[in-house]
C-alpha cells in the first residue's frame, strides 16, 4: 500500500497569508517566455474568432446575437492574453 504525503499544518483550501505559492504557479510568474507564449496564443485565438465573425458579416449575413457574442468573446480572449503577458498581480504597491 502506498501512503499519501501528509498535508502541512495550517495549509488548506483557504491558504493563509504565510502560505507560499505553489512551485508551478511561481515558475509561471517568473518564466517570461511561458507568459509570452501563452498570452500570444490567447491573443491569436481571439484574432481568429474575430476574423470568423467578420467573415460572416462581410459576406452580407445579418448581424445576429451570435455574431455579437463571437466578437465579445474574441475581445475577452485578447484581453486575457494581454493580462497574462503583463502579469499585473503583485506589481501594485499599497499606499500607506
PDB file of N, CA and C in Angstrom:
ATOM      1  N   UNK A   1       0.830  -1.181   0.000  1.00  0.00           N
ATOM      2  CA  UNK A   1       0.000   0.000   0.000  1.00  0.00           C
ATOM      3  C   UNK A   1       0.871   1.240   0.000  1.00  0.00           C
ATOM      4  N   UNK A   2       0.468   2.218  -0.756  1.00  0.00           N
ATOM      5  CA  UNK A   2       1.207   3.471  -0.752  1.00  0.00           C
ATOM      6  C   UNK A   2       0.497   4.460   0.165  1.00  0.00           C
ATOM      7  N   UNK A   3       1.269   5.350   0.703  1.00  0.00           N
ATOM      8  CA  UNK A   3       0.692   6.348   1.592  1.00  0.00           C
ATOM      9  C   UNK A   3       0.804   7.709   0.946  1.00  0.00           C
ATOM     10  N   UNK A   4      -0.205   8.522   1.140  1.00  0.00           N
ATOM     11  CA  UNK A   4      -0.206   9.869   0.594  1.00  0.00           C
ATOM     12  C   UNK A   4       0.628  10.768   1.492  1.00  0.00           C
ATOM     13  N   UNK A   5       1.312  11.750   0.930  1.00  0.00           N
ATOM     14  CA  UNK A   5       2.086  12.653   1.767  1.00  0.00           C
ATOM     15  C   UNK A   5       1.170  13.465   2.672  1.00  0.00           C
ATOM     16  N   UNK A   6       1.634  13.719   3.857  1.00  0.00           N
ATOM     17  CA  UNK A   6       0.835  14.466   4.820  1.00  0.00           C
ATOM     18  C   UNK A   6       0.765  15.929   4.416  1.00  0.00           C
ATOM     19  N   UNK A   7      -0.392  16.529   4.626  1.00  0.00           N
ATOM     20  CA  UNK A   7      -0.571  17.938   4.318  1.00  0.00           C
ATOM     21  C   UNK A   7       0.087  18.768   5.407  1.00  0.00           C
ATOM     22  N   UNK A   8       0.695  19.910   5.052  1.00  0.00           N
ATOM     23  CA  UNK A   8       1.319  20.743   6.069  1.00  0.00           C
ATOM     24  C   UNK A   8       0.273  21.333   7.007  1.00  0.00           C
ATOM     25  N   UNK A   9       0.672  21.550   8.233  1.00  0.00           N
ATOM     26  CA  UNK A   9      -0.251  22.094   9.224  1.00  0.00           C
ATOM     27  C   UNK A   9      -0.634  23.511   8.842  1.00  0.00           C
ATOM     28  N   UNK A  10      -1.897  23.826   8.953  1.00  0.00           N
ATOM     29  CA  UNK A  10      -2.374  25.166   8.658  1.00  0.00           C
ATOM     30  C   UNK A  10      -2.657  25.372   7.179  1.00  0.00           C
ATOM     31  N   UNK A  11      -2.197  24.515   6.333  1.00  0.00           N
ATOM     32  CA  UNK A  11      -2.454  24.658   4.901  1.00  0.00           C
ATOM     33  C   UNK A  11      -3.777  24.010   4.556  1.00  0.00           C
ATOM     34  N   UNK A  12      -4.462  24.588   3.666  1.00  0.00           N
ATOM     35  CA  UNK A  12      -5.740  24.025   3.260  1.00  0.00           C
ATOM     36  C   UNK A  12      -6.248  24.773   2.062  1.00  0.00           C
ATOM     37  N   UNK A  13      -7.519  24.599   1.810  1.00  0.00           N
ATOM     38  CA  UNK A  13      -8.100  25.248   0.648  1.00  0.00           C
ATOM     39  C   UNK A  13      -8.097  26.762   0.811  1.00  0.00           C
ATOM     40  N   UNK A  14      -8.202  27.245   2.063  1.00  0.00           N
ATOM     41  CA  UNK A  14      -8.229  28.683   2.292  1.00  0.00           C
ATOM     42  C   UNK A  14      -6.872  29.314   2.097  1.00  0.00           C
ATOM     43  N   UNK A  15      -5.809  28.630   2.509  1.00  0.00           N
ATOM     44  CA  UNK A  15      -4.459  29.178   2.354  1.00  0.00           C
ATOM     45  C   UNK A  15      -4.286  30.436   3.178  1.00  0.00           C
ATOM     46  N   UNK A  16      -3.299  30.489   3.991  1.00  0.00           N
ATOM     47  CA  UNK A  16      -3.087  31.653   4.832  1.00  0.00           C
ATOM     48  C   UNK A  16      -2.182  32.657   4.148  1.00  0.00           C
ATOM     49  N   UNK A  17      -1.932  33.761   4.827  1.00  0.00           N
ATOM     50  CA  UNK A  17      -1.071  34.795   4.277  1.00  0.00           C
ATOM     51  C   UNK A  17       0.374  34.330   4.241  1.00  0.00           C
ATOM     52  N   UNK A  18       0.734  33.385   5.137  1.00  0.00           N
ATOM     53  CA  UNK A  18       2.108  32.920   5.183  1.00  0.00           C
ATOM     54  C   UNK A  18       2.328  31.667   4.346  1.00  0.00           C
ATOM     55  N   UNK A  19       1.319  31.241   3.597  1.00  0.00           N
ATOM     56  CA  UNK A  19       1.445  30.069   2.742  1.00  0.00           C
ATOM     57  C   UNK A  19       2.122  30.479   1.441  1.00  0.00           C
ATOM     58  N   UNK A  20       3.265  29.880   1.088  1.00  0.00           N
ATOM     59  CA  UNK A  20       3.939  30.251  -0.161  1.00  0.00           C
ATOM     60  C   UNK A  20       3.168  29.747  -1.374  1.00  0.00           C
ATOM     61  N   UNK A  21       3.422  30.389  -2.526  1.00  0.00           N
ATOM     62  CA  UNK A  21       2.800  29.939  -3.769  1.00  0.00           C
ATOM     63  C   UNK A  21       3.299  28.548  -4.111  1.00  0.00           C
ATOM     64  N   UNK A  22       2.482  27.814  -4.841  1.00  0.00           N
ATOM     65  CA  UNK A  22       2.923  26.500  -5.275  1.00  0.00           C
ATOM     66  C   UNK A  22       4.041  26.660  -6.300  1.00  0.00           C
ATOM     67  N   UNK A  23       4.831  25.635  -6.452  1.00  0.00           N
ATOM     68  CA  UNK A  23       6.003  25.712  -7.327  1.00  0.00           C
ATOM     69  C   UNK A  23       5.619  25.963  -8.794  1.00  0.00           C
ATOM     70  N   UNK A  24       4.622  25.277  -9.378  1.00  0.00           N
ATOM     71  CA  UNK A  24       4.268  25.574 -10.780  1.00  0.00           C
ATOM     72  C   UNK A  24       3.761  27.003 -10.959  1.00  0.00           C
ATOM     73  N   UNK A  25       2.994  27.507  -9.993  1.00  0.00           N
ATOM     74  CA  UNK A  25       2.493  28.872 -10.091  1.00  0.00           C
ATOM     75  C   UNK A  25       3.639  29.870 -10.035  1.00  0.00           C
ATOM     76  N   UNK A  26       4.592  29.627  -9.150  1.00  0.00           N
ATOM     77  CA  UNK A  26       5.742  30.517  -9.028  1.00  0.00           C
ATOM     78  C   UNK A  26       6.601  30.467 -10.288  1.00  0.00           C
ATOM     79  N   UNK A  27       6.752  29.284 -10.877  1.00  0.00           N
ATOM     80  CA  UNK A  27       7.548  29.163 -12.094  1.00  0.00           C
ATOM     81  C   UNK A  27       6.893  29.908 -13.248  1.00  0.00           C
ATOM     82  N   UNK A  28       5.566  29.878 -13.334  1.00  0.00           N
ATOM     83  CA  UNK A  28       4.870  30.565 -14.415  1.00  0.00           C
ATOM     84  C   UNK A  28       5.044  32.071 -14.284  1.00  0.00           C
ATOM     85  N   UNK A  29       5.042  32.579 -13.051  1.00  0.00           N
ATOM     86  CA  UNK A  29       5.193  34.017 -12.851  1.00  0.00           C
ATOM     87  C   UNK A  29       6.589  34.495 -13.226  1.00  0.00           C
ATOM     88  N   UNK A  30       7.589  33.657 -13.041  1.00  0.00           N
ATOM     89  CA  UNK A  30       8.963  34.045 -13.324  1.00  0.00           C
ATOM     90  C   UNK A  30       9.401  33.708 -14.743  1.00  0.00           C
ATOM     91  N   UNK A  31       8.632  32.954 -15.480  1.00  0.00           N
ATOM     92  CA  UNK A  31       9.026  32.491 -16.806  1.00  0.00           C
ATOM     93  C   UNK A  31       8.446  33.427 -17.865  1.00  0.00           C
ATOM     94  N   UNK A  32       9.276  34.346 -18.357  1.00  0.00           N
ATOM     95  CA  UNK A  32       8.819  35.329 -19.333  1.00  0.00           C
ATOM     96  C   UNK A  32       8.394  34.652 -20.634  1.00  0.00           C
ATOM     97  N   UNK A  33       9.153  33.670 -21.090  1.00  0.00           N
ATOM     98  CA  UNK A  33       8.811  33.013 -22.356  1.00  0.00           C
ATOM     99  C   UNK A  33       7.508  32.233 -22.240  1.00  0.00           C
ATOM    100  N   UNK A  34       7.238  31.666 -21.054  1.00  0.00           N
ATOM    101  CA  UNK A  34       5.978  30.944 -20.855  1.00  0.00           C
ATOM    102  C   UNK A  34       4.788  31.900 -20.944  1.00  0.00           C
ATOM    103  N   UNK A  35       4.923  33.051 -20.292  1.00  0.00           N
ATOM    104  CA  UNK A  35       3.840  34.035 -20.325  1.00  0.00           C
ATOM    105  C   UNK A  35       3.661  34.595 -21.725  1.00  0.00           C
ATOM    106  N   UNK A  36       4.768  34.840 -22.436  1.00  0.00           N
ATOM    107  CA  UNK A  36       4.682  35.379 -23.785  1.00  0.00           C
ATOM    108  C   UNK A  36       4.038  34.383 -24.742  1.00  0.00           C
ATOM    109  N   UNK A  37       4.388  33.121 -24.612  1.00  0.00           N
ATOM    110  CA  UNK A  37       3.834  32.091 -25.484  1.00  0.00           C
ATOM    111  C   UNK A  37       2.339  31.893 -25.232  1.00  0.00           C
ATOM    112  N   UNK A  38       1.946  31.752 -23.971  1.00  0.00           N
ATOM    113  CA  UNK A  38       0.529  31.521 -23.680  1.00  0.00           C
ATOM    114  C   UNK A  38      -0.300  32.771 -23.929  1.00  0.00           C
ATOM    115  N   UNK A  39       0.211  33.940 -23.583  1.00  0.00           N
ATOM    116  CA  UNK A  39      -0.518  35.178 -23.857  1.00  0.00           C
ATOM    117  C   UNK A  39      -0.662  35.438 -25.346  1.00  0.00           C
ATOM    118  N   UNK A  40       0.419  35.182 -26.086  1.00  0.00           N
ATOM    119  CA  UNK A  40       0.342  35.343 -27.539  1.00  0.00           C
ATOM    120  C   UNK A  40      -0.638  34.380 -28.176  1.00  0.00           C
ATOM    121  N   UNK A  41      -0.695  33.164 -27.642  1.00  0.00           N
ATOM    122  CA  UNK A  41      -1.666  32.188 -28.136  1.00  0.00           C
ATOM    123  C   UNK A  41      -3.094  32.639 -27.896  1.00  0.00           C
ATOM    124  N   UNK A  42      -3.341  33.226 -26.728  1.00  0.00           N
ATOM    125  CA  UNK A  42      -4.688  33.730 -26.440  1.00  0.00           C
ATOM    126  C   UNK A  42      -5.040  34.903 -27.353  1.00  0.00           C
ATOM    127  N   UNK A  43      -4.088  35.782 -27.591  1.00  0.00           N
ATOM    128  CA  UNK A  43      -4.347  36.924 -28.480  1.00  0.00           C
ATOM    129  C   UNK A  43      -4.618  36.445 -29.905  1.00  0.00           C
ATOM    130  N   UNK A  44      -3.829  35.491 -30.376  1.00  0.00           N
ATOM    131  CA  UNK A  44      -4.048  34.965 -31.728  1.00  0.00           C
ATOM    132  C   UNK A  44      -5.366  34.204 -31.844  1.00  0.00           C
ATOM    133  N   UNK A  45      -5.760  33.501 -30.792  1.00  0.00           N
ATOM    134  CA  UNK A  45      -7.058  32.813 -30.847  1.00  0.00           C
ATOM    135  C   UNK A  45      -8.197  33.825 -30.849  1.00  0.00           C
ATOM    136  N   UNK A  46      -8.035  34.929 -30.135  1.00  0.00           N
ATOM    137  CA  UNK A  46      -9.035  35.995 -30.202  1.00  0.00           C
ATOM    138  C   UNK A  46      -9.125  36.597 -31.593  1.00  0.00           C
ATOM    139  N   UNK A  47      -7.967  36.764 -32.253  1.00  0.00           N
ATOM    140  CA  UNK A  47      -7.967  37.288 -33.626  1.00  0.00           C
ATOM    141  C   UNK A  47      -8.655  36.321 -34.578  1.00  0.00           C
ATOM    142  N   UNK A  48      -8.450  35.018 -34.375  1.00  0.00           N
ATOM    143  CA  UNK A  48      -9.088  34.010 -35.225  1.00  0.00           C
ATOM    144  C   UNK A  48     -10.612  34.040 -35.063  1.00  0.00           C
ATOM    145  N   UNK A  49     -11.086  34.119 -33.821  1.00  0.00           N
ATOM    146  CA  UNK A  49     -12.536  34.163 -33.578  1.00  0.00           C
ATOM    147  C   UNK A  49     -13.124  35.443 -34.160  1.00  0.00           C
ATOM    148  N   UNK A  50     -12.415  36.561 -34.006  1.00  0.00           N
ATOM    149  CA  UNK A  50     -12.891  37.831 -34.553  1.00  0.00           C
ATOM    150  C   UNK A  50     -12.967  37.776 -36.074  1.00  0.00           C
ATOM    151  N   UNK A  51     -11.957  37.172 -36.709  1.00  0.00           N
ATOM    152  CA  UNK A  51     -11.951  37.054 -38.166  1.00  0.00           C
ATOM    153  C   UNK A  51     -13.115  36.197 -38.656  1.00  0.00           C
ATOM    154  N   UNK A  52     -13.418  35.128 -37.921  1.00  0.00           N
ATOM    155  CA  UNK A  52     -14.548  34.272 -38.311  1.00  0.00           C
ATOM    156  C   UNK A  52     -15.869  35.041 -38.219  1.00  0.00           C
ATOM    157  N   UNK A  53     -16.015  35.871 -37.200  1.00  0.00           N
ATOM    158  CA  UNK A  53     -17.243  36.655 -37.059  1.00  0.00           C
ATOM    159  C   UNK A  53     -17.326  37.724 -38.144  1.00  0.00           C
ATOM    160  N   UNK A  54     -16.200  38.353 -38.470  1.00  0.00           N
ATOM    161  CA  UNK A  54     -16.202  39.379 -39.508  1.00  0.00           C
ATOM    162  C   UNK A  54     -16.475  38.790 -40.887  1.00  0.00           C
ATOM    163  N   UNK A  55     -16.036  37.550 -41.115  1.00  0.00           N
ATOM    164  CA  UNK A  55     -16.250  36.908 -42.413  1.00  0.00           C
ATOM    165  C   UNK A  55     -17.748  36.746 -42.680  1.00  0.00           C
ATOM    166  N   UNK A  56     -18.504  36.391 -41.653  1.00  0.00           N
ATOM    167  CA  UNK A  56     -19.952  36.233 -41.821  1.00  0.00           C
ATOM    168  C   UNK A  56     -20.587  37.576 -42.159  1.00  0.00           C
ATOM    169  N   UNK A  57     -20.160  38.620 -41.472  1.00  0.00           N
ATOM    170  CA  UNK A  57     -20.739  39.942 -41.728  1.00  0.00           C
ATOM    171  C   UNK A  57     -20.305  40.476 -43.099  1.00  0.00           C
ATOM    172  N   UNK A  58     -19.084  40.181 -43.523  1.00  0.00           N
ATOM    173  CA  UNK A  58     -18.577  40.657 -44.807  1.00  0.00           C
ATOM    174  C   UNK A  58     -19.301  39.998 -45.967  1.00  0.00           C
ATOM    175  N   UNK A  59     -19.784  38.767 -45.778  1.00  0.00           N
ATOM    176  CA  UNK A  59     -20.497  38.066 -46.848  1.00  0.00           C
ATOM    177  C   UNK A  59     -21.946  38.520 -46.957  1.00  0.00           C
ATOM    178  N   UNK A  60     -22.331  39.488 -46.159  1.00  0.00           N
ATOM    179  CA  UNK A  60     -23.674  40.038 -46.260  1.00  0.00           C
ATOM    180  C   UNK A  60     -24.669  39.409 -45.309  1.00  0.00           C
ATOM    181  N   UNK A  61     -24.209  38.592 -44.411  1.00  0.00           N
ATOM    182  CA  UNK A  61     -25.108  37.974 -43.436  1.00  0.00           C
ATOM    183  C   UNK A  61     -25.567  38.982 -42.409  1.00  0.00           C
ATOM    184  N   UNK A  62     -26.706  38.725 -41.822  1.00  0.00           N
ATOM    185  CA  UNK A  62     -27.213  39.659 -40.809  1.00  0.00           C
ATOM    186  C   UNK A  62     -26.361  39.599 -39.529  1.00  0.00           C
ATOM    187  N   UNK A  63     -26.304  40.732 -38.846  1.00  0.00           N
ATOM    188  CA  UNK A  63     -25.593  40.785 -37.572  1.00  0.00           C
ATOM    189  C   UNK A  63     -26.524  40.241 -36.494  1.00  0.00           C
ATOM    190  N   UNK A  64     -26.302  38.999 -36.121  1.00  0.00           N
ATOM    191  CA  UNK A  64     -27.164  38.357 -35.135  1.00  0.00           C
ATOM    192  C   UNK A  64     -26.521  38.428 -33.753  1.00  0.00           C
ATOM    193  N   UNK A  65     -27.234  37.945 -32.766  1.00  0.00           N
ATOM    194  CA  UNK A  65     -26.696  37.905 -31.409  1.00  0.00           C
ATOM    195  C   UNK A  65     -25.511  36.956 -31.331  1.00  0.00           C
ATOM    196  N   UNK A  66     -25.499  35.922 -32.163  1.00  0.00           N
ATOM    197  CA  UNK A  66     -24.372  35.004 -32.184  1.00  0.00           C
ATOM    198  C   UNK A  66     -23.097  35.680 -32.664  1.00  0.00           C
ATOM    199  N   UNK A  67     -23.227  36.539 -33.671  1.00  0.00           N
ATOM    200  CA  UNK A  67     -22.066  37.268 -34.172  1.00  0.00           C
ATOM    201  C   UNK A  67     -21.553  38.246 -33.137  1.00  0.00           C
ATOM    202  N   UNK A  68     -22.452  38.919 -32.462  1.00  0.00           N
ATOM    203  CA  UNK A  68     -22.065  39.847 -31.400  1.00  0.00           C
ATOM    204  C   UNK A  68     -21.388  39.090 -30.260  1.00  0.00           C
ATOM    205  N   UNK A  69     -21.913  37.919 -29.934  1.00  0.00           N
ATOM    206  CA  UNK A  69     -21.293  37.109 -28.881  1.00  0.00           C
ATOM    207  C   UNK A  69     -19.896  36.653 -29.296  1.00  0.00           C
ATOM    208  N   UNK A  70     -19.702  36.313 -30.570  1.00  0.00           N
ATOM    209  CA  UNK A  70     -18.384  35.916 -31.054  1.00  0.00           C
ATOM    210  C   UNK A  70     -17.382  37.061 -30.942  1.00  0.00           C
ATOM    211  N   UNK A  71     -17.799  38.255 -31.316  1.00  0.00           N
ATOM    212  CA  UNK A  71     -16.904  39.406 -31.246  1.00  0.00           C
ATOM    213  C   UNK A  71     -16.578  39.738 -29.800  1.00  0.00           C
ATOM    214  N   UNK A  72     -17.562  39.636 -28.918  1.00  0.00           N
ATOM    215  CA  UNK A  72     -17.328  39.884 -27.491  1.00  0.00           C
ATOM    216  C   UNK A  72     -16.370  38.841 -26.920  1.00  0.00           C
ATOM    217  N   UNK A  73     -16.559  37.587 -27.297  1.00  0.00           N
ATOM    218  CA  UNK A  73     -15.677  36.519 -26.828  1.00  0.00           C
ATOM    219  C   UNK A  73     -14.257  36.722 -27.354  1.00  0.00           C
ATOM    220  N   UNK A  74     -14.142  37.174 -28.608  1.00  0.00           N
ATOM    221  CA  UNK A  74     -12.816  37.428 -29.186  1.00  0.00           C
ATOM    222  C   UNK A  74     -12.110  38.548 -28.432  1.00  0.00           C
ATOM    223  N   UNK A  75     -12.842  39.590 -28.078  1.00  0.00           N
ATOM    224  CA  UNK A  75     -12.242  40.699 -27.326  1.00  0.00           C
ATOM    225  C   UNK A  75     -11.805  40.240 -25.943  1.00  0.00           C
ATOM    226  N   UNK A  76     -12.596  39.373 -25.319  1.00  0.00           N
ATOM    227  CA  UNK A  76     -12.222  38.893 -23.987  1.00  0.00           C
ATOM    228  C   UNK A  76     -11.010  37.968 -24.053  1.00  0.00           C
ATOM    229  N   UNK A  77     -10.888  37.167 -25.103  1.00  0.00           N
ATOM    230  CA  UNK A  77      -9.700  36.328 -25.265  1.00  0.00           C
ATOM    231  C   UNK A  77      -8.441  37.179 -25.433  1.00  0.00           C
ATOM    232  N   UNK A  78      -8.542  38.220 -26.252  1.00  0.00           N
ATOM    233  CA  UNK A  78      -7.391  39.087 -26.471  1.00  0.00           C
ATOM    234  C   UNK A  78      -7.015  39.832 -25.189  1.00  0.00           C
ATOM    235  N   UNK A  79      -8.012  40.278 -24.441  1.00  0.00           N
ATOM    236  CA  UNK A  79      -7.738  40.973 -23.184  1.00  0.00           C
ATOM    237  C   UNK A  79      -7.094  40.030 -22.175  1.00  0.00           C
ATOM    238  N   UNK A  80      -7.548  38.800 -22.129  1.00  0.00           N
ATOM    239  CA  UNK A  80      -6.964  37.805 -21.226  1.00  0.00           C
ATOM    240  C   UNK A  80      -5.500  37.550 -21.599  1.00  0.00           C
ATOM    241  N   UNK A  81      -5.224  37.501 -22.897  1.00  0.00           N
ATOM    242  CA  UNK A  81      -3.849  37.326 -23.342  1.00  0.00           C
ATOM    243  C   UNK A  81      -2.952  38.479 -22.917  1.00  0.00           C
ATOM    244  N   UNK A  82      -3.465  39.703 -23.007  1.00  0.00           N
ATOM    245  CA  UNK A  82      -2.690  40.858 -22.568  1.00  0.00           C
ATOM    246  C   UNK A  82      -2.427  40.815 -21.064  1.00  0.00           C
ATOM    247  N   UNK A  83      -3.414  40.375 -20.302  1.00  0.00           N
ATOM    248  CA  UNK A  83      -3.235  40.276 -18.857  1.00  0.00           C
ATOM    249  C   UNK A  83      -2.192  39.217 -18.521  1.00  0.00           C
ATOM    250  N   UNK A  84      -2.200  38.102 -19.227  1.00  0.00           N
ATOM    251  CA  UNK A  84      -1.210  37.050 -18.967  1.00  0.00           C
ATOM    252  C   UNK A  84       0.194  37.563 -19.271  1.00  0.00           C
ATOM    253  N   UNK A  85       0.348  38.314 -20.353  1.00  0.00           N
ATOM    254  CA  UNK A  85       1.667  38.835 -20.703  1.00  0.00           C
ATOM    255  C   UNK A  85       2.112  39.912 -19.716  1.00  0.00           C
ATOM    256  N   UNK A  86       1.203  40.827 -19.358  1.00  0.00           N
ATOM    257  CA  UNK A  86       1.565  41.937 -18.477  1.00  0.00           C
ATOM    258  C   UNK A  86       1.777  41.484 -17.040  1.00  0.00           C
ATOM    259  N   UNK A  87       1.065  40.463 -16.584  1.00  0.00           N
ATOM    260  CA  UNK A  87       1.159  39.923 -15.228  1.00  0.00           C
ATOM    261  C   UNK A  87       1.076  41.023 -14.175  1.00  0.00           C
ATOM    262  N   UNK A  88      -0.079  41.699 -14.062  1.00  0.00           N
ATOM    263  CA  UNK A  88      -0.177  42.817 -13.131  1.00  0.00           C
ATOM    264  C   UNK A  88      -0.300  42.399 -11.660  1.00  0.00           C
ATOM    265  N   UNK A  89      -0.496  41.131 -11.368  1.00  0.00           N
ATOM    266  CA  UNK A  89      -0.699  40.692  -9.991  1.00  0.00           C
ATOM    267  C   UNK A  89       0.589  40.879  -9.200  1.00  0.00           C
ATOM    268  N   UNK A  90       0.473  41.583  -8.095  1.00  0.00           N
ATOM    269  CA  UNK A  90       1.606  41.768  -7.207  1.00  0.00           C
ATOM    270  C   UNK A  90       2.528  42.896  -7.580  1.00  0.00           C
ATOM    271  N   UNK A  91       2.249  43.632  -8.653  1.00  0.00           N
ATOM    272  CA  UNK A  91       3.127  44.733  -9.052  1.00  0.00           C
ATOM    273  C   UNK A  91       2.694  46.065  -8.462  1.00  0.00           C
ATOM    274  N   UNK A  92       1.447  46.166  -8.047  1.00  0.00           N
ATOM    275  CA  UNK A  92       0.973  47.416  -7.476  1.00  0.00           C
ATOM    276  C   UNK A  92       1.465  47.535  -6.027  1.00  0.00           C
ATOM    277  N   UNK A  93       1.887  48.712  -5.641  1.00  0.00           N
ATOM    278  CA  UNK A  93       2.347  48.957  -4.285  1.00  0.00           C
ATOM    279  C   UNK A  93       1.224  49.546  -3.464  1.00  0.00           C
ATOM    280  N   UNK A  94       1.048  49.066  -2.262  1.00  0.00           N
ATOM    281  CA  UNK A  94      -0.004  49.574  -1.391  1.00  0.00           C
ATOM    282  C   UNK A  94       0.408  50.930  -0.835  1.00  0.00           C
ATOM    283  N   UNK A  95      -0.521  51.877  -0.886  1.00  0.00           N
ATOM    284  CA  UNK A  95      -0.248  53.211  -0.327  1.00  0.00           C
ATOM    285  C   UNK A  95      -0.459  53.157   1.182  1.00  0.00           C
ATOM    286  N   UNK A  96       0.446  53.738   1.904  1.00  0.00           N
ATOM    287  CA  UNK A  96       0.310  53.724   3.375  1.00  0.00           C
ATOM    288  C   UNK A  96       0.010  55.094   3.902  1.00  0.00           C
TER     289      UNK A  96
END
